[in-house]
Amino acid sequence: MKKLLLLLLLATSLPGFSQKWNTSLSEAKTIASKENKPILLVFSGSDWCAPCIKLEKNVWLSEEFKKEANAGWVLVKADFPKKKNNQQSEEQKTQNKTLAEKYNKEGFFPLVVVLDKTGKVLGKTGYENIKASEYISLIKSFISR
């Protein structure tokens, strides 16, 4: 019984330690408007782009970012995987391509675009070989302008 209770407690507390990545900018805009938060749009090649993988490991998965993300931003990831077993639905591919045409015309990976709640670009950056706390400060610098 104690194990079951512990397992239940662990399962319900885990979502609090992770961030929710949306795949739809329109849904993110709705959430951002309701919560009055900026949007963090990330263009990634999750299974082929070495800097994207490093950014995921060093920043997005860090405890510092998880805490900050839940409180401060609405997250959107536009992923462009190449491996067959990571392929997305045609609808998702089309949606990501449309996002790239608007926000990532140069085709940079990774590209992090900070948007206001309406979708206006506040700033852009890519991979930086810095600590998660410094990356968070960089993102915040776009918002405070």
C-alpha atoms as a PDB file:
ATOM      1  CA  MET A   1       0.000   0.000   0.000  1.00  0.00           C
ATOM      2  CA  LYS A   2       2.839   2.403   0.846  1.00  0.00           C
ATOM      3  CA  LYS A   3       4.494   1.677  -2.505  1.00  0.00           C
ATOM      4  CA  LEU A   4       1.264   2.371  -4.340  1.00  0.00           C
ATOM      5  CA  LEU A   5       0.769   5.649  -2.497  1.00  0.00           C
ATOM      6  CA  LEU A   6       4.375   6.680  -3.192  1.00  0.00           C
ATOM      7  CA  LEU A   7       4.000   5.795  -6.868  1.00  0.00           C
ATOM      8  CA  LEU A   8       0.785   7.803  -7.102  1.00  0.00           C
ATOM      9  CA  LEU A   9       2.398  10.788  -5.400  1.00  0.00           C
ATOM     10  CA  LEU A  10       5.405  10.605  -7.717  1.00  0.00           C
ATOM     11  CA  ALA A  11       3.237  10.331 -10.828  1.00  0.00           C
ATOM     12  CA  THR A  12       1.169  13.368  -9.899  1.00  0.00           C
ATOM     13  CA  SER A  13       4.172  15.494  -8.969  1.00  0.00           C
ATOM     14  CA  LEU A  14       6.271  14.829 -12.072  1.00  0.00           C
ATOM     15  CA  PRO A  15       4.292  17.133 -14.370  1.00  0.00           C
ATOM     16  CA  GLY A  16       5.249  20.026 -12.087  1.00  0.00           C
ATOM     17  CA  PHE A  17       8.912  19.427 -12.868  1.00  0.00           C
ATOM     18  CA  SER A  18       8.627  19.452 -16.624  1.00  0.00           C
ATOM     19  CA  GLN A  19       7.621  22.078 -19.076  1.00  0.00           C
ATOM     20  CA  LYS A  20       4.890  21.749 -21.677  1.00  0.00           C
ATOM     21  CA  TRP A  21       6.036  22.237 -25.249  1.00  0.00           C
ATOM     22  CA  ASN A  22       3.187  23.163 -27.567  1.00  0.00           C
ATOM     23  CA  THR A  23       3.321  22.326 -31.261  1.00  0.00           C
ATOM     24  CA  SER A  24       0.748  24.897 -32.377  1.00  0.00           C
ATOM     25  CA  LEU A  25       1.547  28.611 -32.373  1.00  0.00           C
ATOM     26  CA  SER A  26      -2.137  29.540 -32.531  1.00  0.00           C
ATOM     27  CA  GLU A  27      -2.827  27.535 -29.354  1.00  0.00           C
ATOM     28  CA  ALA A  28       0.243  29.105 -27.745  1.00  0.00           C
ATOM     29  CA  LYS A  29      -1.023  32.604 -28.617  1.00  0.00           C
ATOM     30  CA  THR A  30      -4.346  31.824 -26.947  1.00  0.00           C
ATOM     31  CA  ILE A  31      -2.583  30.644 -23.788  1.00  0.00           C
ATOM     32  CA  ALA A  32      -0.152  33.576 -23.882  1.00  0.00           C
ATOM     33  CA  SER A  33      -3.025  36.058 -24.140  1.00  0.00           C
ATOM     34  CA  LYS A  34      -4.912  34.460 -21.252  1.00  0.00           C
ATOM     35  CA  GLU A  35      -1.806  34.293 -19.045  1.00  0.00           C
ATOM     36  CA  ASN A  36      -0.173  37.491 -20.342  1.00  0.00           C
ATOM     37  CA  LYS A  37       3.105  35.705 -21.150  1.00  0.00           C
ATOM     38  CA  PRO A  38       5.581  35.904 -24.013  1.00  0.00           C
ATOM     39  CA  ILE A  39       6.109  32.933 -26.321  1.00  0.00           C
ATOM     40  CA  LEU A  40       9.336  31.034 -26.808  1.00  0.00           C
ATOM     41  CA  LEU A  41       9.369  29.471 -30.299  1.00  0.00           C
ATOM     42  CA  VAL A  42      12.172  26.969 -30.877  1.00  0.00           C
ATOM     43  CA  PHE A  43      13.148  25.612 -34.292  1.00  0.00           C
ATOM     44  CA  SER A  44      14.938  22.320 -33.782  1.00  0.00           C
ATOM     45  CA  GLY A  45      16.297  19.348 -35.658  1.00  0.00           C
ATOM     46  CA  SER A  46      15.985  17.005 -32.704  1.00  0.00           C
ATOM     47  CA  ASP A  47      17.571  13.951 -34.285  1.00  0.00           C
ATOM     48  CA  TRP A  48      20.237  15.408 -36.565  1.00  0.00           C
ATOM     49  CA  CYS A  49      21.300  18.904 -35.403  1.00  0.00           C
ATOM     50  CA  ALA A  50      24.168  18.660 -32.877  1.00  0.00           C
ATOM     51  CA  PRO A  51      23.709  22.209 -31.496  1.00  0.00           C
ATOM     52  CA  CYS A  52      19.951  21.546 -31.142  1.00  0.00           C
ATOM     53  CA  ILE A  53      20.659  18.413 -29.138  1.00  0.00           C
ATOM     54  CA  LYS A  54      23.163  20.309 -26.939  1.00  0.00           C
ATOM     55  CA  LEU A  55      20.644  23.113 -26.360  1.00  0.00           C
ATOM     56  CA  GLU A  56      18.031  20.531 -25.369  1.00  0.00           C
ATOM     57  CA  LYS A  57      20.391  18.811 -22.960  1.00  0.00           C
ATOM     58  CA  ASN A  58      22.075  21.885 -21.467  1.00  0.00           C
ATOM     59  CA  VAL A  59      19.189  24.351 -21.314  1.00  0.00           C
ATOM     60  CA  TRP A  60      15.704  22.991 -22.018  1.00  0.00           C
ATOM     61  CA  LEU A  61      16.149  19.976 -19.725  1.00  0.00           C
ATOM     62  CA  SER A  62      17.843  21.932 -16.923  1.00  0.00           C
ATOM     63  CA  GLU A  63      15.994  22.441 -13.657  1.00  0.00           C
ATOM     64  CA  GLU A  64      16.590  26.205 -13.914  1.00  0.00           C
ATOM     65  CA  PHE A  65      14.849  26.381 -17.275  1.00  0.00           C
ATOM     66  CA  LYS A  66      11.990  24.121 -16.211  1.00  0.00           C
ATOM     67  CA  LYS A  67      11.212  26.389 -13.258  1.00  0.00           C
ATOM     68  CA  GLU A  68      11.501  29.556 -15.335  1.00  0.00           C
ATOM     69  CA  ALA A  69       9.531  28.170 -18.273  1.00  0.00           C
ATOM     70  CA  ASN A  70       6.508  27.211 -16.218  1.00  0.00           C
ATOM     71  CA  ALA A  71       6.336  30.655 -14.657  1.00  0.00           C
ATOM     72  CA  GLY A  72       7.439  32.895 -17.479  1.00  0.00           C
ATOM     73  CA  TRP A  73       6.750  31.658 -20.989  1.00  0.00           C
ATOM     74  CA  VAL A  74       4.516  29.695 -23.292  1.00  0.00           C
ATOM     75  CA  LEU A  75       6.718  27.209 -25.148  1.00  0.00           C
ATOM     76  CA  VAL A  76       6.397  26.129 -28.775  1.00  0.00           C
ATOM     77  CA  LYS A  77       8.677  23.696 -30.529  1.00  0.00           C
ATOM     78  CA  ALA A  78       8.808  23.408 -34.307  1.00  0.00           C
ATOM     79  CA  ASP A  79      10.812  20.242 -34.805  1.00  0.00           C
ATOM     80  CA  PHE A  80      12.205  19.075 -38.138  1.00  0.00           C
ATOM     81  CA  PRO A  81      13.364  15.489 -37.547  1.00  0.00           C
ATOM     82  CA  LYS A  82      14.966  13.516 -40.374  1.00  0.00           C
ATOM     83  CA  LYS A  83      15.009   9.950 -39.074  1.00  0.00           C
ATOM     84  CA  LYS A  84      12.186   7.776 -40.310  1.00  0.00           C
ATOM     85  CA  ASN A  85      11.096   6.664 -36.830  1.00  0.00           C
ATOM     86  CA  ASN A  86      10.729  10.307 -35.697  1.00  0.00           C
ATOM     87  CA  GLN A  87       8.567  11.484 -38.568  1.00  0.00           C
ATOM     88  CA  GLN A  88       5.579  13.687 -37.829  1.00  0.00           C
ATOM     89  CA  SER A  89       2.103  13.831 -39.279  1.00  0.00           C
ATOM     90  CA  GLU A  90       1.682  15.703 -42.550  1.00  0.00           C
ATOM     91  CA  GLU A  91      -0.382  18.285 -40.679  1.00  0.00           C
ATOM     92  CA  GLN A  92       2.469  18.907 -38.208  1.00  0.00           C
ATOM     93  CA  LYS A  93       5.044  19.085 -41.032  1.00  0.00           C
ATOM     94  CA  THR A  94       2.906  21.667 -42.851  1.00  0.00           C
ATOM     95  CA  GLN A  95       2.384  23.674 -39.680  1.00  0.00           C
ATOM     96  CA  ASN A  96       6.138  23.703 -38.944  1.00  0.00           C
ATOM     97  CA  LYS A  97       6.948  24.678 -42.523  1.00  0.00           C
ATOM     98  CA  THR A  98       4.514  27.597 -42.279  1.00  0.00           C
ATOM     99  CA  LEU A  99       6.156  28.717 -39.023  1.00  0.00           C
ATOM    100  CA  ALA A 100       9.594  28.492 -40.647  1.00  0.00           C
ATOM    101  CA  GLU A 101       8.454  30.563 -43.638  1.00  0.00           C
ATOM    102  CA  LYS A 102       7.368  33.325 -41.289  1.00  0.00           C
ATOM    103  CA  TYR A 103       9.927  33.201 -38.463  1.00  0.00           C
ATOM    104  CA  ASN A 104      12.952  31.270 -39.794  1.00  0.00           C
ATOM    105  CA  LYS A 105      13.383  32.219 -43.442  1.00  0.00           C
ATOM    106  CA  GLU A 106      17.147  31.698 -43.202  1.00  0.00           C
ATOM    107  CA  GLY A 107      16.701  28.092 -42.046  1.00  0.00           C
ATOM    108  CA  PHE A 108      18.912  28.333 -38.939  1.00  0.00           C
ATOM    109  CA  PHE A 109      18.975  25.440 -36.471  1.00  0.00           C
ATOM    110  CA  PRO A 110      18.538  25.809 -33.646  1.00  0.00           C
ATOM    111  CA  LEU A 111      16.736  29.103 -33.723  1.00  0.00           C
ATOM    112  CA  VAL A 112      15.022  30.493 -30.646  1.00  0.00           C
ATOM    113  CA  VAL A 113      12.496  33.231 -31.364  1.00  0.00           C
ATOM    114  CA  VAL A 114      10.989  35.226 -28.532  1.00  0.00           C
ATOM    115  CA  LEU A 115       7.522  36.526 -29.394  1.00  0.00           C
ATOM    116  CA  ASP A 116       5.011  38.679 -27.608  1.00  0.00           C
ATOM    117  CA  LYS A 117       1.553  37.226 -26.995  1.00  0.00           C
ATOM    118  CA  THR A 118       0.390  38.382 -30.447  1.00  0.00           C
ATOM    119  CA  GLY A 119       3.280  36.784 -32.343  1.00  0.00           C
ATOM    120  CA  LYS A 120       5.439  39.877 -32.829  1.00  0.00           C
ATOM    121  CA  VAL A 121       9.171  39.065 -32.771  1.00  0.00           C
ATOM    122  CA  LEU A 122      10.977  40.481 -29.733  1.00  0.00           C
ATOM    123  CA  GLY A 123      14.317  38.809 -30.400  1.00  0.00           C
ATOM    124  CA  LYS A 124      16.141  35.829 -31.899  1.00  0.00           C
ATOM    125  CA  THR A 125      19.117  33.743 -30.891  1.00  0.00           C
ATOM    126  CA  GLY A 126      20.643  30.377 -31.621  1.00  0.00           C
ATOM    127  CA  TYR A 127      22.848  27.971 -29.752  1.00  0.00           C
ATOM    128  CA  GLU A 128      25.153  29.606 -27.243  1.00  0.00           C
ATOM    129  CA  ASN A 129      27.718  27.577 -25.309  1.00  0.00           C
ATOM    130  CA  ILE A 130      26.676  29.100 -21.976  1.00  0.00           C
ATOM    131  CA  LYS A 131      25.080  27.916 -18.755  1.00  0.00           C
ATOM    132  CA  ALA A 132      21.309  27.550 -18.569  1.00  0.00           C
ATOM    133  CA  SER A 133      21.061  30.542 -16.221  1.00  0.00           C
ATOM    134  CA  GLU A 134      22.896  32.732 -18.745  1.00  0.00           C
ATOM    135  CA  TYR A 135      20.665  31.499 -21.572  1.00  0.00           C
ATOM    136  CA  ILE A 136      17.600  32.349 -19.496  1.00  0.00           C
ATOM    137  CA  SER A 137      19.012  35.857 -18.956  1.00  0.00           C
ATOM    138  CA  LEU A 138      19.538  36.187 -22.713  1.00  0.00           C
ATOM    139  CA  ILE A 139      15.912  35.261 -23.376  1.00  0.00           C
ATOM    140  CA  LYS A 140      14.728  37.689 -20.703  1.00  0.00           C
ATOM    141  CA  SER A 141      16.781  40.471 -22.273  1.00  0.00           C
ATOM    142  CA  PHE A 142      14.583  40.307 -25.396  1.00  0.00           C
ATOM    143  CA  ILE A 143      11.439  40.619 -23.319  1.00  0.00           C
ATOM    144  CA  SER A 144      12.582  43.586 -21.269  1.00  0.00           C
ATOM    145  CA  ARG A 145      13.452  45.754 -24.287  1.00  0.00           C
END
